[in-house]
Amino acid sequence: MPLAGKGMLLTSMNIAASDEAEFNRWYDREHLEERVAIEGFLEARRYVAHAGNPKYLSLYSTRTFEVLDSPAYRAALANQTAWSKANIGRFKDMIRAVARITVSRGTGRGAALGIVRLRPTAGSEEKLRSVLRELLNPAELDGIVSMHLIESDLALSKPITNDPSAPNPGAGDWFVLIDATDVGAVPPAAARLTGNVTLTPTAISSGVYRLMWDLAKSDLGG
């Protein structure tokens, strides 16, 4: 399957314009490498919005879902560097999904990414998953190389900058990821979900993102 591993951490946030240069410097010079180095993490990708909110998006693939609640990952969260603490404290509108990869069809990853956020109603999960397995077929869509479904874990998915006791109605949301060769290929593919009456009002938001860079465990050497 085109996505490495079985688990995925999705993070997305806005940042004030005055802090943006420092934020990007931190992400590119420390944070992505630090996370990929954690035992069980396989790769990471950074994106910036072409048309979407929040502006920045990162995807981290893990060997298993359990890696995202492992002692190694929890230790990393508990021992952030001073540079990390300063930047994380500036996050706005953060989304943090700790998820299982349940559908992944196609081959390879694209330079553009479409994302559709879904909010399943209680009891509808298996039916929705079945519908999505059929819809997420890149072979039917020009410019789309692979399509994926990730399903957030309700207990683990929470923004690390917020009060952990605060209500978080989106903690159990699902995300469809659409890997495309160009941003122009994404809207027709996303419309199969956002314009599908069988998924309404399940589909609650969508966006189009451009790849900034990616990092694999093998890139770290050593």
N, C-alpha and C. Protein backbone atom coordinates (compact mmCIF):
# COMPACT_ATOMS: atom_id res chain seq x y z
N MET A 1 0.84 -1.19 0.00
CA MET A 1 0.00 0.00 0.00
C MET A 1 0.87 1.24 0.00
N PRO A 2 0.41 2.34 -0.59
CA PRO A 2 1.29 3.50 -0.79
C PRO A 2 1.70 4.23 0.47
N LEU A 3 0.89 4.21 1.51
CA LEU A 3 1.28 4.84 2.76
C LEU A 3 2.10 3.85 3.59
N ALA A 4 3.24 4.30 4.08
CA ALA A 4 4.08 3.45 4.90
C ALA A 4 3.43 3.22 6.25
N GLY A 5 3.52 1.98 6.75
CA GLY A 5 3.05 1.69 8.09
C GLY A 5 1.55 1.60 8.24
N LYS A 6 1.10 1.57 9.50
CA LYS A 6 -0.32 1.40 9.82
C LYS A 6 -0.88 2.56 10.64
N GLY A 7 0.00 3.44 11.14
CA GLY A 7 -0.46 4.56 11.96
C GLY A 7 -0.07 5.88 11.33
N MET A 8 -0.82 6.93 11.66
CA MET A 8 -0.49 8.26 11.15
C MET A 8 -0.85 9.32 12.17
N LEU A 9 0.06 10.27 12.34
CA LEU A 9 -0.19 11.47 13.12
C LEU A 9 -0.36 12.62 12.14
N LEU A 10 -1.49 13.29 12.21
CA LEU A 10 -1.77 14.47 11.38
C LEU A 10 -1.80 15.68 12.29
N THR A 11 -1.02 16.70 11.98
CA THR A 11 -1.07 17.95 12.73
C THR A 11 -1.24 19.09 11.74
N SER A 12 -2.03 20.08 12.12
CA SER A 12 -2.27 21.22 11.27
C SER A 12 -2.48 22.43 12.16
N MET A 13 -1.97 23.58 11.73
CA MET A 13 -2.07 24.77 12.57
C MET A 13 -1.86 26.04 11.75
N ASN A 14 -2.30 27.14 12.33
CA ASN A 14 -1.97 28.47 11.82
C ASN A 14 -0.90 29.08 12.72
N ILE A 15 -0.23 30.08 12.22
CA ILE A 15 0.80 30.78 12.97
C ILE A 15 0.76 32.25 12.57
N ALA A 16 0.97 33.13 13.51
CA ALA A 16 0.97 34.55 13.21
C ALA A 16 2.07 34.89 12.21
N ALA A 17 1.79 35.84 11.33
CA ALA A 17 2.77 36.21 10.31
C ALA A 17 4.10 36.64 10.92
N SER A 18 4.04 37.29 12.07
CA SER A 18 5.27 37.76 12.71
C SER A 18 6.14 36.62 13.23
N ASP A 19 5.55 35.44 13.43
CA ASP A 19 6.29 34.28 13.94
C ASP A 19 6.58 33.24 12.87
N GLU A 20 6.15 33.49 11.64
CA GLU A 20 6.16 32.46 10.61
C GLU A 20 7.58 32.04 10.21
N ALA A 21 8.48 32.98 10.06
CA ALA A 21 9.84 32.62 9.65
C ALA A 21 10.50 31.73 10.69
N GLU A 22 10.33 32.06 11.96
CA GLU A 22 10.92 31.24 13.03
C GLU A 22 10.26 29.87 13.10
N PHE A 23 8.95 29.84 12.94
CA PHE A 23 8.19 28.59 12.92
C PHE A 23 8.69 27.66 11.83
N ASN A 24 8.87 28.16 10.61
CA ASN A 24 9.35 27.33 9.51
C ASN A 24 10.79 26.90 9.71
N ARG A 25 11.60 27.77 10.27
CA ARG A 25 12.99 27.41 10.56
C ARG A 25 13.04 26.26 11.56
N TRP A 26 12.23 26.34 12.60
CA TRP A 26 12.18 25.28 13.61
C TRP A 26 11.70 23.97 13.01
N TYR A 27 10.62 24.01 12.24
CA TYR A 27 10.09 22.79 11.63
C TYR A 27 11.14 22.14 10.72
N ASP A 28 11.82 22.97 9.92
CA ASP A 28 12.73 22.44 8.92
C ASP A 28 14.09 22.04 9.48
N ARG A 29 14.51 22.64 10.58
CA ARG A 29 15.84 22.39 11.12
C ARG A 29 15.86 21.51 12.37
N GLU A 30 14.70 21.35 13.00
CA GLU A 30 14.68 20.51 14.21
C GLU A 30 13.50 19.55 14.25
N HIS A 31 12.29 20.06 14.13
CA HIS A 31 11.13 19.29 14.55
C HIS A 31 10.88 18.04 13.70
N LEU A 32 10.91 18.18 12.38
CA LEU A 32 10.61 17.03 11.54
C LEU A 32 11.63 15.91 11.76
N GLU A 33 12.89 16.27 11.79
CA GLU A 33 13.93 15.26 12.00
C GLU A 33 13.81 14.61 13.38
N GLU A 34 13.51 15.42 14.38
CA GLU A 34 13.37 14.91 15.74
C GLU A 34 12.25 13.87 15.82
N ARG A 35 11.14 14.14 15.16
CA ARG A 35 10.02 13.21 15.20
C ARG A 35 10.30 11.94 14.41
N VAL A 36 10.88 12.06 13.22
CA VAL A 36 11.16 10.88 12.40
C VAL A 36 12.18 9.97 13.08
N ALA A 37 13.03 10.55 13.91
CA ALA A 37 14.04 9.76 14.62
C ALA A 37 13.45 8.88 15.72
N ILE A 38 12.22 9.14 16.16
CA ILE A 38 11.60 8.35 17.23
C ILE A 38 11.41 6.91 16.76
N GLU A 39 11.66 5.97 17.63
CA GLU A 39 11.50 4.55 17.29
C GLU A 39 10.07 4.29 16.80
N GLY A 40 9.96 3.65 15.64
CA GLY A 40 8.66 3.31 15.09
C GLY A 40 8.13 4.33 14.10
N PHE A 41 8.67 5.56 14.08
CA PHE A 41 8.29 6.54 13.07
C PHE A 41 9.04 6.22 11.78
N LEU A 42 8.35 6.35 10.64
CA LEU A 42 8.93 5.96 9.36
C LEU A 42 9.25 7.13 8.45
N GLU A 43 8.36 8.11 8.39
CA GLU A 43 8.55 9.25 7.50
C GLU A 43 7.63 10.39 7.90
N ALA A 44 7.91 11.57 7.35
CA ALA A 44 7.07 12.73 7.60
C ALA A 44 7.02 13.58 6.34
N ARG A 45 5.90 14.30 6.19
CA ARG A 45 5.73 15.22 5.06
C ARG A 45 5.17 16.53 5.58
N ARG A 46 5.65 17.66 5.04
CA ARG A 46 5.17 18.99 5.39
C ARG A 46 4.47 19.62 4.20
N TYR A 47 3.34 20.29 4.47
CA TYR A 47 2.55 20.93 3.42
C TYR A 47 2.20 22.37 3.83
N VAL A 48 1.93 23.19 2.81
CA VAL A 48 1.39 24.53 3.02
C VAL A 48 0.13 24.64 2.17
N ALA A 49 -0.86 25.37 2.66
CA ALA A 49 -2.15 25.43 1.99
C ALA A 49 -2.08 26.17 0.66
N HIS A 50 -2.66 25.58 -0.36
CA HIS A 50 -2.97 26.26 -1.62
C HIS A 50 -4.34 26.90 -1.49
N ALA A 51 -5.25 26.15 -0.89
CA ALA A 51 -6.59 26.64 -0.58
C ALA A 51 -7.10 25.81 0.58
N GLY A 52 -6.92 26.29 1.79
CA GLY A 52 -7.34 25.52 2.96
C GLY A 52 -6.99 26.21 4.25
N ASN A 53 -7.54 25.72 5.32
CA ASN A 53 -7.32 26.25 6.66
C ASN A 53 -7.38 25.09 7.64
N PRO A 54 -6.38 24.99 8.54
CA PRO A 54 -5.22 25.84 8.79
C PRO A 54 -4.21 25.84 7.63
N LYS A 55 -3.24 26.79 7.72
CA LYS A 55 -2.30 27.00 6.63
C LYS A 55 -1.29 25.88 6.51
N TYR A 56 -0.81 25.34 7.64
CA TYR A 56 0.26 24.34 7.62
C TYR A 56 -0.27 22.97 8.04
N LEU A 57 0.27 21.95 7.40
CA LEU A 57 -0.16 20.57 7.63
C LEU A 57 1.06 19.66 7.61
N SER A 58 1.12 18.71 8.54
CA SER A 58 2.18 17.70 8.55
C SER A 58 1.58 16.33 8.75
N LEU A 59 2.16 15.33 8.08
CA LEU A 59 1.75 13.93 8.21
C LEU A 59 2.96 13.11 8.62
N TYR A 60 2.79 12.28 9.66
CA TYR A 60 3.86 11.41 10.15
C TYR A 60 3.36 9.97 10.10
N SER A 61 4.06 9.12 9.39
CA SER A 61 3.68 7.71 9.29
C SER A 61 4.45 6.88 10.31
N THR A 62 3.77 5.92 10.92
CA THR A 62 4.40 5.06 11.92
C THR A 62 4.19 3.58 11.56
N ARG A 63 5.12 2.75 12.01
CA ARG A 63 5.07 1.33 11.67
C ARG A 63 3.75 0.70 12.10
N THR A 64 3.31 0.99 13.31
CA THR A 64 2.03 0.52 13.81
C THR A 64 1.30 1.68 14.46
N PHE A 65 0.00 1.54 14.66
CA PHE A 65 -0.75 2.58 15.37
C PHE A 65 -0.25 2.72 16.80
N GLU A 66 0.14 1.61 17.40
CA GLU A 66 0.55 1.63 18.81
C GLU A 66 1.79 2.50 19.06
N VAL A 67 2.60 2.74 18.04
CA VAL A 67 3.76 3.61 18.18
C VAL A 67 3.34 5.00 18.69
N LEU A 68 2.13 5.43 18.31
CA LEU A 68 1.66 6.77 18.66
C LEU A 68 1.19 6.90 20.11
N ASP A 69 1.29 5.81 20.85
CA ASP A 69 1.07 5.86 22.30
C ASP A 69 2.16 5.08 23.02
N SER A 70 3.34 5.01 22.39
CA SER A 70 4.44 4.22 22.91
C SER A 70 5.25 5.01 23.93
N PRO A 71 6.02 4.35 24.78
CA PRO A 71 6.89 5.06 25.72
C PRO A 71 7.84 6.03 25.01
N ALA A 72 8.37 5.64 23.83
CA ALA A 72 9.31 6.51 23.12
C ALA A 72 8.63 7.80 22.67
N TYR A 73 7.42 7.69 22.16
CA TYR A 73 6.72 8.90 21.70
C TYR A 73 6.26 9.75 22.87
N ARG A 74 5.76 9.09 23.93
CA ARG A 74 5.33 9.86 25.11
C ARG A 74 6.51 10.57 25.75
N ALA A 75 7.69 9.96 25.73
CA ALA A 75 8.88 10.61 26.27
C ALA A 75 9.25 11.84 25.45
N ALA A 76 9.09 11.74 24.12
CA ALA A 76 9.38 12.89 23.26
C ALA A 76 8.43 14.05 23.54
N LEU A 77 7.16 13.74 23.76
CA LEU A 77 6.18 14.78 24.08
C LEU A 77 6.49 15.43 25.42
N ALA A 78 6.96 14.64 26.36
CA ALA A 78 7.21 15.15 27.71
C ALA A 78 8.53 15.89 27.83
N ASN A 79 9.38 15.78 26.81
CA ASN A 79 10.73 16.38 26.90
C ASN A 79 11.01 17.24 25.67
N GLN A 80 10.11 18.18 25.41
CA GLN A 80 10.30 19.08 24.27
C GLN A 80 11.48 20.01 24.52
N THR A 81 12.19 20.37 23.44
CA THR A 81 13.26 21.34 23.57
C THR A 81 12.67 22.72 23.84
N ALA A 82 13.52 23.63 24.29
CA ALA A 82 13.06 25.01 24.52
C ALA A 82 12.56 25.64 23.24
N TRP A 83 13.21 25.34 22.11
CA TRP A 83 12.79 25.86 20.82
C TRP A 83 11.41 25.32 20.45
N SER A 84 11.19 24.04 20.73
CA SER A 84 9.88 23.44 20.47
C SER A 84 8.80 24.07 21.34
N LYS A 85 9.07 24.22 22.62
CA LYS A 85 8.07 24.80 23.52
C LYS A 85 7.67 26.20 23.08
N ALA A 86 8.64 26.99 22.64
CA ALA A 86 8.36 28.35 22.21
C ALA A 86 7.45 28.36 20.99
N ASN A 87 7.74 27.49 20.01
CA ASN A 87 6.94 27.47 18.79
C ASN A 87 5.58 26.84 18.99
N ILE A 88 5.52 25.75 19.74
CA ILE A 88 4.24 25.09 20.00
C ILE A 88 3.30 26.05 20.74
N GLY A 89 3.85 26.87 21.61
CA GLY A 89 3.03 27.83 22.34
C GLY A 89 2.40 28.88 21.45
N ARG A 90 2.89 29.01 20.20
CA ARG A 90 2.35 30.01 19.28
C ARG A 90 1.33 29.41 18.30
N PHE A 91 1.12 28.09 18.35
CA PHE A 91 0.16 27.47 17.43
C PHE A 91 -1.23 28.07 17.62
N LYS A 92 -1.93 28.22 16.50
CA LYS A 92 -3.33 28.66 16.54
C LYS A 92 -4.17 27.66 15.74
N ASP A 93 -5.42 27.45 16.19
CA ASP A 93 -6.38 26.60 15.46
C ASP A 93 -5.83 25.20 15.20
N MET A 94 -5.16 24.63 16.19
CA MET A 94 -4.48 23.37 15.96
C MET A 94 -5.43 22.19 15.81
N ILE A 95 -5.11 21.32 14.87
CA ILE A 95 -5.76 20.01 14.70
C ILE A 95 -4.68 18.96 14.94
N ARG A 96 -4.98 17.98 15.76
CA ARG A 96 -4.03 16.89 16.01
C ARG A 96 -4.81 15.59 16.02
N ALA A 97 -4.58 14.77 14.99
CA ALA A 97 -5.27 13.49 14.85
C ALA A 97 -4.28 12.36 14.96
N VAL A 98 -4.50 11.48 15.93
CA VAL A 98 -3.72 10.25 16.09
C VAL A 98 -4.59 9.14 15.50
N ALA A 99 -4.14 8.58 14.38
CA ALA A 99 -5.08 7.81 13.56
C ALA A 99 -4.53 6.48 13.06
N ARG A 100 -5.48 5.62 12.71
CA ARG A 100 -5.19 4.36 12.03
C ARG A 100 -5.41 4.55 10.54
N ILE A 101 -4.51 3.99 9.73
CA ILE A 101 -4.70 3.99 8.28
C ILE A 101 -5.57 2.78 7.95
N THR A 102 -6.78 3.03 7.47
CA THR A 102 -7.71 1.91 7.24
C THR A 102 -7.98 1.63 5.77
N VAL A 103 -7.74 2.61 4.91
CA VAL A 103 -7.84 2.41 3.46
C VAL A 103 -6.67 3.12 2.82
N SER A 104 -5.99 2.47 1.88
CA SER A 104 -4.89 3.11 1.15
C SER A 104 -4.80 2.44 -0.21
N ARG A 105 -5.17 3.19 -1.26
CA ARG A 105 -5.22 2.62 -2.61
C ARG A 105 -4.41 3.48 -3.57
N GLY A 106 -3.73 2.82 -4.50
CA GLY A 106 -2.94 3.52 -5.49
C GLY A 106 -1.47 3.25 -5.31
N THR A 107 -0.65 4.08 -5.96
CA THR A 107 0.79 3.89 -5.93
C THR A 107 1.49 5.24 -5.82
N GLY A 108 2.28 5.40 -4.78
CA GLY A 108 3.12 6.58 -4.66
C GLY A 108 2.42 7.77 -4.02
N ARG A 109 3.19 8.86 -3.89
CA ARG A 109 2.72 10.10 -3.28
C ARG A 109 2.88 11.24 -4.26
N GLY A 110 2.02 12.23 -4.19
CA GLY A 110 2.02 13.32 -5.14
C GLY A 110 2.58 14.62 -4.58
N ALA A 111 2.77 15.60 -5.44
CA ALA A 111 3.26 16.92 -5.05
C ALA A 111 2.15 17.78 -4.45
N ALA A 112 0.91 17.34 -4.61
CA ALA A 112 -0.23 18.05 -4.03
C ALA A 112 -1.06 17.08 -3.20
N LEU A 113 -1.75 17.61 -2.22
CA LEU A 113 -2.57 16.77 -1.34
C LEU A 113 -3.93 17.43 -1.13
N GLY A 114 -4.96 16.65 -1.36
CA GLY A 114 -6.30 17.07 -0.97
C GLY A 114 -6.65 16.42 0.36
N ILE A 115 -7.39 17.14 1.18
CA ILE A 115 -7.81 16.58 2.47
C ILE A 115 -9.28 16.91 2.68
N VAL A 116 -10.05 15.88 3.03
CA VAL A 116 -11.47 16.04 3.34
C VAL A 116 -11.70 15.52 4.75
N ARG A 117 -12.25 16.36 5.60
CA ARG A 117 -12.50 15.97 6.99
C ARG A 117 -13.93 15.48 7.12
N LEU A 118 -14.07 14.30 7.73
CA LEU A 118 -15.37 13.65 7.88
C LEU A 118 -15.68 13.47 9.37
N ARG A 119 -16.96 13.58 9.70
CA ARG A 119 -17.38 13.36 11.09
C ARG A 119 -18.47 12.30 11.12
N PRO A 120 -18.09 11.04 11.31
CA PRO A 120 -19.08 9.96 11.30
C PRO A 120 -20.08 10.11 12.45
N THR A 121 -21.32 9.75 12.19
CA THR A 121 -22.31 9.69 13.26
C THR A 121 -22.21 8.33 13.93
N ALA A 122 -22.56 8.28 15.20
CA ALA A 122 -22.45 7.04 15.97
C ALA A 122 -23.24 5.92 15.28
N GLY A 123 -22.60 4.79 15.11
CA GLY A 123 -23.24 3.64 14.52
C GLY A 123 -23.12 3.55 13.00
N SER A 124 -22.61 4.63 12.37
CA SER A 124 -22.52 4.65 10.91
C SER A 124 -21.13 4.27 10.39
N GLU A 125 -20.21 3.98 11.31
CA GLU A 125 -18.81 3.86 10.91
C GLU A 125 -18.55 2.77 9.87
N GLU A 126 -19.09 1.59 10.08
CA GLU A 126 -18.79 0.50 9.15
C GLU A 126 -19.40 0.76 7.77
N LYS A 127 -20.60 1.30 7.74
CA LYS A 127 -21.23 1.63 6.46
C LYS A 127 -20.43 2.70 5.73
N LEU A 128 -20.01 3.73 6.46
CA LEU A 128 -19.23 4.80 5.85
C LEU A 128 -17.90 4.27 5.33
N ARG A 129 -17.25 3.44 6.10
CA ARG A 129 -15.96 2.86 5.69
C ARG A 129 -16.13 2.06 4.40
N SER A 130 -17.21 1.32 4.30
CA SER A 130 -17.48 0.52 3.11
C SER A 130 -17.69 1.41 1.88
N VAL A 131 -18.44 2.48 2.05
CA VAL A 131 -18.67 3.43 0.94
C VAL A 131 -17.34 4.04 0.50
N LEU A 132 -16.52 4.42 1.45
CA LEU A 132 -15.26 5.07 1.13
C LEU A 132 -14.28 4.13 0.44
N ARG A 133 -14.30 2.86 0.81
CA ARG A 133 -13.42 1.90 0.13
C ARG A 133 -13.70 1.89 -1.37
N GLU A 134 -14.95 2.05 -1.75
CA GLU A 134 -15.30 2.06 -3.16
C GLU A 134 -14.97 3.40 -3.81
N LEU A 135 -15.19 4.50 -3.10
CA LEU A 135 -14.97 5.83 -3.67
C LEU A 135 -13.49 6.17 -3.82
N LEU A 136 -12.66 5.65 -2.94
CA LEU A 136 -11.25 6.02 -2.95
C LEU A 136 -10.48 5.16 -3.95
N ASN A 137 -10.78 5.41 -5.22
CA ASN A 137 -10.18 4.63 -6.31
C ASN A 137 -9.47 5.59 -7.26
N PRO A 138 -8.16 5.74 -7.11
CA PRO A 138 -7.43 6.70 -7.94
C PRO A 138 -7.42 6.35 -9.42
N ALA A 139 -7.64 5.09 -9.76
CA ALA A 139 -7.61 4.68 -11.16
C ALA A 139 -8.69 5.37 -11.98
N GLU A 140 -9.73 5.87 -11.32
CA GLU A 140 -10.84 6.51 -12.02
C GLU A 140 -10.64 8.02 -12.18
N LEU A 141 -9.51 8.57 -11.70
CA LEU A 141 -9.36 10.02 -11.62
C LEU A 141 -8.02 10.46 -12.20
N ASP A 142 -8.04 11.28 -13.23
CA ASP A 142 -6.81 11.79 -13.82
C ASP A 142 -6.05 12.65 -12.82
N GLY A 143 -4.74 12.45 -12.74
CA GLY A 143 -3.90 13.27 -11.88
C GLY A 143 -3.88 12.84 -10.43
N ILE A 144 -4.63 11.79 -10.08
CA ILE A 144 -4.65 11.28 -8.71
C ILE A 144 -3.87 9.97 -8.68
N VAL A 145 -2.85 9.90 -7.82
CA VAL A 145 -2.01 8.71 -7.78
C VAL A 145 -2.36 7.75 -6.64
N SER A 146 -2.88 8.28 -5.55
CA SER A 146 -3.29 7.41 -4.44
C SER A 146 -4.29 8.14 -3.56
N MET A 147 -5.10 7.37 -2.82
CA MET A 147 -6.14 7.91 -1.95
C MET A 147 -6.18 7.08 -0.67
N HIS A 148 -6.45 7.74 0.46
CA HIS A 148 -6.32 7.08 1.75
C HIS A 148 -7.40 7.55 2.72
N LEU A 149 -7.68 6.69 3.68
CA LEU A 149 -8.57 7.04 4.79
C LEU A 149 -7.81 6.81 6.09
N ILE A 150 -7.80 7.83 6.96
CA ILE A 150 -7.26 7.65 8.30
C ILE A 150 -8.36 7.96 9.31
N GLU A 151 -8.44 7.14 10.35
CA GLU A 151 -9.50 7.25 11.35
C GLU A 151 -8.91 7.59 12.71
N SER A 152 -9.28 8.76 13.23
CA SER A 152 -8.70 9.25 14.48
C SER A 152 -9.15 8.43 15.68
N ASP A 153 -8.24 8.29 16.62
CA ASP A 153 -8.55 7.66 17.90
C ASP A 153 -9.11 8.73 18.84
N LEU A 154 -10.32 8.51 19.34
CA LEU A 154 -11.02 9.52 20.14
C LEU A 154 -10.26 9.90 21.40
N ALA A 155 -9.59 8.94 22.04
CA ALA A 155 -8.91 9.21 23.30
C ALA A 155 -7.58 9.92 23.11
N LEU A 156 -6.87 9.60 22.04
CA LEU A 156 -5.52 10.13 21.86
C LEU A 156 -5.45 11.41 21.05
N SER A 157 -6.49 11.71 20.28
CA SER A 157 -6.45 12.87 19.38
C SER A 157 -6.88 14.13 20.12
N LYS A 158 -5.90 14.94 20.50
CA LYS A 158 -6.20 16.21 21.17
C LYS A 158 -5.05 17.17 20.93
N PRO A 159 -5.36 18.44 20.68
CA PRO A 159 -4.30 19.43 20.50
C PRO A 159 -3.43 19.53 21.75
N ILE A 160 -2.13 19.48 21.59
CA ILE A 160 -1.24 19.52 22.76
C ILE A 160 -1.12 20.92 23.34
N THR A 161 -1.66 21.92 22.64
CA THR A 161 -1.59 23.29 23.16
C THR A 161 -2.84 23.67 23.94
N ASN A 162 -3.85 22.83 23.93
CA ASN A 162 -5.12 23.17 24.58
C ASN A 162 -5.27 22.46 25.92
N ASP A 163 -6.24 22.92 26.70
CA ASP A 163 -6.61 22.26 27.95
C ASP A 163 -7.10 20.85 27.63
N PRO A 164 -6.42 19.80 28.10
CA PRO A 164 -6.82 18.43 27.74
C PRO A 164 -8.21 18.05 28.22
N SER A 165 -8.75 18.80 29.16
CA SER A 165 -10.08 18.49 29.66
C SER A 165 -11.18 19.21 28.88
N ALA A 166 -10.82 20.10 27.97
CA ALA A 166 -11.81 20.85 27.21
C ALA A 166 -12.51 19.95 26.21
N PRO A 167 -13.79 20.20 25.91
CA PRO A 167 -14.51 19.40 24.92
C PRO A 167 -13.83 19.48 23.56
N ASN A 168 -13.81 18.37 22.86
CA ASN A 168 -13.18 18.32 21.54
C ASN A 168 -14.04 17.46 20.62
N PRO A 169 -15.11 18.04 20.06
CA PRO A 169 -16.06 17.25 19.26
C PRO A 169 -15.44 16.62 18.03
N GLY A 170 -14.30 17.13 17.56
CA GLY A 170 -13.68 16.58 16.36
C GLY A 170 -12.63 15.52 16.62
N ALA A 171 -12.49 15.08 17.88
CA ALA A 171 -11.40 14.15 18.22
C ALA A 171 -11.54 12.82 17.49
N GLY A 172 -12.75 12.42 17.15
CA GLY A 172 -12.95 11.15 16.46
C GLY A 172 -13.14 11.29 14.97
N ASP A 173 -12.80 12.45 14.40
CA ASP A 173 -13.00 12.67 12.98
C ASP A 173 -12.10 11.78 12.12
N TRP A 174 -12.52 11.56 10.90
CA TRP A 174 -11.75 10.85 9.91
C TRP A 174 -11.26 11.84 8.86
N PHE A 175 -10.18 11.48 8.17
CA PHE A 175 -9.63 12.34 7.12
C PHE A 175 -9.35 11.50 5.88
N VAL A 176 -9.85 11.97 4.75
CA VAL A 176 -9.48 11.38 3.46
C VAL A 176 -8.32 12.19 2.90
N LEU A 177 -7.26 11.50 2.50
CA LEU A 177 -6.08 12.13 1.91
C LEU A 177 -6.01 11.76 0.44
N ILE A 178 -5.85 12.76 -0.42
CA ILE A 178 -5.86 12.57 -1.86
C ILE A 178 -4.52 13.02 -2.42
N ASP A 179 -3.66 12.08 -2.82
CA ASP A 179 -2.35 12.42 -3.37
C ASP A 179 -2.48 12.67 -4.87
N ALA A 180 -2.06 13.86 -5.29
CA ALA A 180 -2.24 14.29 -6.67
C ALA A 180 -0.94 14.80 -7.27
N THR A 181 -0.87 14.81 -8.60
CA THR A 181 0.31 15.32 -9.28
C THR A 181 0.31 16.84 -9.36
N ASP A 182 -0.86 17.47 -9.16
CA ASP A 182 -0.99 18.92 -9.27
C ASP A 182 -2.21 19.36 -8.47
N VAL A 183 -2.18 20.59 -7.96
CA VAL A 183 -3.31 21.07 -7.17
C VAL A 183 -4.60 21.08 -7.97
N GLY A 184 -4.51 21.26 -9.29
CA GLY A 184 -5.71 21.31 -10.12
C GLY A 184 -6.44 19.99 -10.22
N ALA A 185 -5.76 18.88 -9.90
CA ALA A 185 -6.40 17.57 -9.97
C ALA A 185 -7.22 17.26 -8.73
N VAL A 186 -7.01 18.02 -7.65
CA VAL A 186 -7.65 17.68 -6.38
C VAL A 186 -9.15 17.99 -6.34
N PRO A 187 -9.61 19.19 -6.74
CA PRO A 187 -11.04 19.51 -6.57
C PRO A 187 -12.01 18.50 -7.16
N PRO A 188 -11.81 18.00 -8.40
CA PRO A 188 -12.75 17.00 -8.91
C PRO A 188 -12.79 15.73 -8.07
N ALA A 189 -11.62 15.33 -7.54
CA ALA A 189 -11.58 14.14 -6.69
C ALA A 189 -12.27 14.39 -5.36
N ALA A 190 -12.02 15.55 -4.76
CA ALA A 190 -12.66 15.88 -3.49
C ALA A 190 -14.16 16.03 -3.63
N ALA A 191 -14.61 16.49 -4.80
CA ALA A 191 -16.05 16.69 -5.03
C ALA A 191 -16.82 15.38 -4.97
N ARG A 192 -16.15 14.26 -5.22
CA ARG A 192 -16.81 12.96 -5.10
C ARG A 192 -17.25 12.70 -3.66
N LEU A 193 -16.57 13.36 -2.72
CA LEU A 193 -16.90 13.20 -1.30
C LEU A 193 -17.76 14.35 -0.81
N THR A 194 -17.31 15.59 -1.05
CA THR A 194 -18.02 16.75 -0.51
C THR A 194 -19.37 16.96 -1.19
N GLY A 195 -19.51 16.47 -2.44
CA GLY A 195 -20.78 16.61 -3.15
C GLY A 195 -21.62 15.36 -3.17
N ASN A 196 -21.22 14.38 -2.37
CA ASN A 196 -21.93 13.09 -2.35
C ASN A 196 -23.01 13.11 -1.28
N VAL A 197 -24.26 12.98 -1.69
CA VAL A 197 -25.38 13.09 -0.74
C VAL A 197 -25.33 12.00 0.32
N THR A 198 -24.72 10.87 0.00
CA THR A 198 -24.65 9.79 1.00
C THR A 198 -23.67 10.13 2.12
N LEU A 199 -22.80 11.12 1.89
CA LEU A 199 -21.83 11.52 2.90
C LEU A 199 -22.20 12.83 3.59
N THR A 200 -23.29 13.44 3.20
CA THR A 200 -23.72 14.71 3.80
C THR A 200 -24.60 14.41 5.00
N PRO A 201 -24.39 15.09 6.17
CA PRO A 201 -23.42 16.15 6.44
C PRO A 201 -22.09 15.64 7.01
N THR A 202 -21.74 14.39 6.69
CA THR A 202 -20.52 13.82 7.25
C THR A 202 -19.28 14.61 6.85
N ALA A 203 -19.19 15.05 5.59
CA ALA A 203 -18.05 15.84 5.12
C ALA A 203 -18.19 17.26 5.64
N ILE A 204 -17.25 17.70 6.49
CA ILE A 204 -17.41 18.99 7.15
C ILE A 204 -16.41 20.05 6.68
N SER A 205 -15.31 19.66 6.03
CA SER A 205 -14.38 20.65 5.49
C SER A 205 -13.44 19.97 4.51
N SER A 206 -12.78 20.79 3.68
CA SER A 206 -11.82 20.25 2.72
C SER A 206 -10.77 21.31 2.42
N GLY A 207 -9.65 20.88 1.89
CA GLY A 207 -8.59 21.81 1.53
C GLY A 207 -7.64 21.19 0.52
N VAL A 208 -6.80 22.04 -0.07
CA VAL A 208 -5.79 21.61 -1.04
C VAL A 208 -4.44 22.15 -0.56
N TYR A 209 -3.44 21.27 -0.51
CA TYR A 209 -2.13 21.63 0.02
C TYR A 209 -1.02 21.27 -0.96
N ARG A 210 0.06 22.05 -0.91
CA ARG A 210 1.26 21.80 -1.71
C ARG A 210 2.35 21.22 -0.82
N LEU A 211 3.05 20.21 -1.33
CA LEU A 211 4.15 19.61 -0.58
C LEU A 211 5.30 20.60 -0.44
N MET A 212 5.79 20.76 0.80
CA MET A 212 6.98 21.56 1.05
C MET A 212 8.23 20.67 0.98
N TRP A 213 8.23 19.60 1.79
CA TRP A 213 9.31 18.61 1.71
C TRP A 213 8.93 17.39 2.52
N ASP A 214 9.67 16.31 2.32
CA ASP A 214 9.42 15.09 3.09
C ASP A 214 10.73 14.53 3.60
N LEU A 215 10.63 13.70 4.62
CA LEU A 215 11.80 13.13 5.28
C LEU A 215 11.49 11.70 5.67
N ALA A 216 12.35 10.77 5.25
CA ALA A 216 12.20 9.36 5.61
C ALA A 216 13.25 8.97 6.63
N LYS A 217 12.98 7.90 7.37
CA LYS A 217 13.94 7.41 8.36
C LYS A 217 15.30 7.15 7.71
N SER A 218 15.30 6.62 6.49
CA SER A 218 16.55 6.31 5.80
C SER A 218 17.37 7.56 5.49
N ASP A 219 16.73 8.73 5.44
CA ASP A 219 17.45 9.99 5.17
C ASP A 219 18.33 10.41 6.35
N LEU A 220 18.03 9.87 7.54
CA LEU A 220 18.74 10.31 8.73
C LEU A 220 20.13 9.69 8.83
N GLY A 221 20.34 8.57 8.14
CA GLY A 221 21.64 7.91 8.20
C GLY A 221 21.93 7.36 9.57
N GLY A 222 23.17 7.12 9.85
CA GLY A 222 23.59 6.64 11.16
C GLY A 222 23.03 5.31 11.51
